Amino acid sequence: MNRLLVFVLALAFAGAAQAGGSAAAGKTKAAQVCAACHGADGNKPVAPENPILAGQHQDYLVKAMKDYKSGKRNNPIMKGFAAGLSSQDIEDLAAWFASQSSNLHFQR
């Protein structure tokens, strides 16, 4: 009985940890999907209209990407990219960009 309880708790914690996103997996996905417009770490957008993603709040990034995917936010380029992302991809990307240091805090 104790082994079963330990096993169930281990599965619950593993699922909860994965639900928050993996920055390592997000880094890999960002290199494939995001780096061309936002820079490898999200700090160097190629155009002024592309936002800096590094250092943003993780929950904000998740919501923004889900809103692009659903069409709630209207940007044809982002909608196209977000359409191919799974919920886990979105969590991973948000974890990666949120974990990066940002130049945003020094700009006025």
C-alpha atoms as a PDB file:
ATOM      1  CA  MET A   1       0.000   0.000   0.000  1.00  0.00           C
ATOM      2  CA  ASN A   2       2.814   2.423   0.850  1.00  0.00           C
ATOM      3  CA  ARG A   3       4.536   1.714  -2.458  1.00  0.00           C
ATOM      4  CA  LEU A   4       1.343   2.475  -4.335  1.00  0.00           C
ATOM      5  CA  LEU A   5       0.928   5.765  -2.464  1.00  0.00           C
ATOM      6  CA  VAL A   6       4.537   6.758  -3.188  1.00  0.00           C
ATOM      7  CA  PHE A   7       4.087   5.869  -6.866  1.00  0.00           C
ATOM      8  CA  VAL A   8       0.882   7.902  -7.180  1.00  0.00           C
ATOM      9  CA  LEU A   9       2.455  10.908  -5.460  1.00  0.00           C
ATOM     10  CA  ALA A  10       5.541  10.673  -7.689  1.00  0.00           C
ATOM     11  CA  LEU A  11       3.341  10.688 -10.794  1.00  0.00           C
ATOM     12  CA  ALA A  12       1.361  13.653  -9.498  1.00  0.00           C
ATOM     13  CA  PHE A  13       4.488  15.713  -8.833  1.00  0.00           C
ATOM     14  CA  ALA A  14       6.055  14.755 -12.156  1.00  0.00           C
ATOM     15  CA  GLY A  15       2.936  15.888 -14.004  1.00  0.00           C
ATOM     16  CA  ALA A  16       2.796  19.143 -12.076  1.00  0.00           C
ATOM     17  CA  ALA A  17       6.437  19.898 -12.800  1.00  0.00           C
ATOM     18  CA  GLN A  18       5.983  19.227 -16.513  1.00  0.00           C
ATOM     19  CA  ALA A  19       2.834  21.368 -16.664  1.00  0.00           C
ATOM     20  CA  GLY A  20       4.924  24.419 -15.734  1.00  0.00           C
ATOM     21  CA  GLY A  21       7.094  24.012 -18.803  1.00  0.00           C
ATOM     22  CA  SER A  22      10.668  23.008 -19.405  1.00  0.00           C
ATOM     23  CA  ALA A  23      13.068  25.848 -20.192  1.00  0.00           C
ATOM     24  CA  ALA A  24      15.463  23.377 -21.860  1.00  0.00           C
ATOM     25  CA  ALA A  25      12.734  22.111 -24.197  1.00  0.00           C
ATOM     26  CA  GLY A  26      11.626  25.701 -24.766  1.00  0.00           C
ATOM     27  CA  LYS A  27      15.144  26.695 -25.799  1.00  0.00           C
ATOM     28  CA  THR A  28      15.139  23.991 -28.470  1.00  0.00           C
ATOM     29  CA  LYS A  29      11.682  24.975 -29.724  1.00  0.00           C
ATOM     30  CA  ALA A  30      12.573  28.700 -29.683  1.00  0.00           C
ATOM     31  CA  ALA A  31      15.550  28.030 -31.939  1.00  0.00           C
ATOM     32  CA  GLN A  32      13.166  26.374 -34.428  1.00  0.00           C
ATOM     33  CA  VAL A  33      10.242  28.783 -34.227  1.00  0.00           C
ATOM     34  CA  CYS A  34      10.970  32.128 -32.536  1.00  0.00           C
ATOM     35  CA  ALA A  35      14.618  33.081 -32.978  1.00  0.00           C
ATOM     36  CA  ALA A  36      14.280  34.467 -36.516  1.00  0.00           C
ATOM     37  CA  CYS A  37      12.061  37.324 -35.321  1.00  0.00           C
ATOM     38  CA  HIS A  38      12.786  37.663 -31.583  1.00  0.00           C
ATOM     39  CA  GLY A  39      16.421  36.534 -31.305  1.00  0.00           C
ATOM     40  CA  ALA A  40      17.730  33.297 -29.811  1.00  0.00           C
ATOM     41  CA  ASP A  41      17.102  34.357 -26.214  1.00  0.00           C
ATOM     42  CA  GLY A  42      14.212  36.724 -26.974  1.00  0.00           C
ATOM     43  CA  ASN A  43      16.317  39.842 -26.381  1.00  0.00           C
ATOM     44  CA  LYS A  44      17.119  40.931 -29.940  1.00  0.00           C
ATOM     45  CA  PRO A  45      14.062  41.376 -32.152  1.00  0.00           C
ATOM     46  CA  VAL A  46      14.880  41.925 -35.809  1.00  0.00           C
ATOM     47  CA  ALA A  47      12.262  44.668 -36.165  1.00  0.00           C
ATOM     48  CA  PRO A  48      10.980  47.324 -33.759  1.00  0.00           C
ATOM     49  CA  GLU A  49       7.440  45.952 -33.894  1.00  0.00           C
ATOM     50  CA  ASN A  50       8.626  42.549 -32.608  1.00  0.00           C
ATOM     51  CA  PRO A  51       8.567  42.541 -28.813  1.00  0.00           C
ATOM     52  CA  ILE A  52      11.374  41.520 -26.484  1.00  0.00           C
ATOM     53  CA  LEU A  53      10.257  38.224 -24.948  1.00  0.00           C
ATOM     54  CA  ALA A  54      13.142  37.659 -22.540  1.00  0.00           C
ATOM     55  CA  GLY A  55      12.267  38.311 -18.920  1.00  0.00           C
ATOM     56  CA  GLN A  56       8.517  38.537 -19.509  1.00  0.00           C
ATOM     57  CA  HIS A  57       6.247  36.859 -16.972  1.00  0.00           C
ATOM     58  CA  GLN A  58       5.677  33.223 -17.840  1.00  0.00           C
ATOM     59  CA  ASP A  59       1.901  33.365 -17.396  1.00  0.00           C
ATOM     60  CA  TYR A  60       1.710  36.430 -19.664  1.00  0.00           C
ATOM     61  CA  LEU A  61       3.648  34.626 -22.410  1.00  0.00           C
ATOM     62  CA  VAL A  62       1.424  31.546 -22.130  1.00  0.00           C
ATOM     63  CA  LYS A  63      -1.722  33.657 -22.400  1.00  0.00           C
ATOM     64  CA  ALA A  64      -0.368  35.677 -25.329  1.00  0.00           C
ATOM     65  CA  MET A  65       0.593  32.557 -27.312  1.00  0.00           C
ATOM     66  CA  LYS A  66      -2.735  30.880 -26.577  1.00  0.00           C
ATOM     67  CA  ASP A  67      -4.529  34.048 -27.669  1.00  0.00           C
ATOM     68  CA  TYR A  68      -2.581  34.075 -30.955  1.00  0.00           C
ATOM     69  CA  LYS A  69      -3.403  30.421 -31.477  1.00  0.00           C
ATOM     70  CA  SER A  70      -7.132  30.956 -30.850  1.00  0.00           C
ATOM     71  CA  GLY A  71      -7.312  34.163 -32.890  1.00  0.00           C
ATOM     72  CA  LYS A  72      -8.147  36.318 -29.870  1.00  0.00           C
ATOM     73  CA  ARG A  73      -4.990  38.269 -30.724  1.00  0.00           C
ATOM     74  CA  ASN A  74      -4.827  39.204 -34.367  1.00  0.00           C
ATOM     75  CA  ASN A  75      -1.432  38.883 -36.004  1.00  0.00           C
ATOM     76  CA  PRO A  76      -1.256  36.627 -39.069  1.00  0.00           C
ATOM     77  CA  ILE A  77       2.411  35.736 -38.590  1.00  0.00           C
ATOM     78  CA  MET A  78       2.053  34.843 -34.919  1.00  0.00           C
ATOM     79  CA  LYS A  79      -1.211  33.013 -35.537  1.00  0.00           C
ATOM     80  CA  GLY A  80       0.564  30.855 -38.110  1.00  0.00           C
ATOM     81  CA  PHE A  81       3.421  30.021 -35.772  1.00  0.00           C
ATOM     82  CA  ALA A  82       1.186  29.488 -32.739  1.00  0.00           C
ATOM     83  CA  ALA A  83      -1.125  27.174 -34.700  1.00  0.00           C
ATOM     84  CA  GLY A  84       1.632  24.567 -34.837  1.00  0.00           C
ATOM     85  CA  LEU A  85       2.383  24.681 -31.106  1.00  0.00           C
ATOM     86  CA  SER A  86       1.019  22.192 -28.599  1.00  0.00           C
ATOM     87  CA  SER A  87       0.024  23.313 -25.109  1.00  0.00           C
ATOM     88  CA  GLN A  88       3.274  21.810 -23.837  1.00  0.00           C
ATOM     89  CA  ASP A  89       5.277  23.701 -26.480  1.00  0.00           C
ATOM     90  CA  ILE A  90       3.662  26.927 -25.293  1.00  0.00           C
ATOM     91  CA  GLU A  91       4.479  26.162 -21.645  1.00  0.00           C
ATOM     92  CA  ASP A  92       8.064  25.270 -22.588  1.00  0.00           C
ATOM     93  CA  LEU A  93       8.584  28.411 -24.670  1.00  0.00           C
ATOM     94  CA  ALA A  94       7.165  30.579 -21.906  1.00  0.00           C
ATOM     95  CA  ALA A  95       9.485  28.914 -19.381  1.00  0.00           C
ATOM     96  CA  TRP A  96      12.501  29.533 -21.638  1.00  0.00           C
ATOM     97  CA  PHE A  97      11.815  33.196 -22.360  1.00  0.00           C
ATOM     98  CA  ALA A  98      10.789  33.958 -18.761  1.00  0.00           C
ATOM     99  CA  SER A  99      14.078  32.481 -17.525  1.00  0.00           C
ATOM    100  CA  GLN A 100      16.204  34.773 -19.708  1.00  0.00           C
ATOM    101  CA  SER A 101      17.653  38.017 -18.397  1.00  0.00           C
ATOM    102  CA  SER A 102      16.202  40.991 -20.178  1.00  0.00           C
ATOM    103  CA  ASN A 103      17.254  44.400 -21.349  1.00  0.00           C
ATOM    104  CA  LEU A 104      13.686  45.581 -20.759  1.00  0.00           C
ATOM    105  CA  HIS A 105      14.368  46.500 -17.167  1.00  0.00           C
ATOM    106  CA  PHE A 106      17.047  49.005 -18.149  1.00  0.00           C
ATOM    107  CA  GLN A 107      15.125  50.844 -20.867  1.00  0.00           C
ATOM    108  CA  ARG A 108      13.124  54.007 -20.307  1.00  0.00           C
END
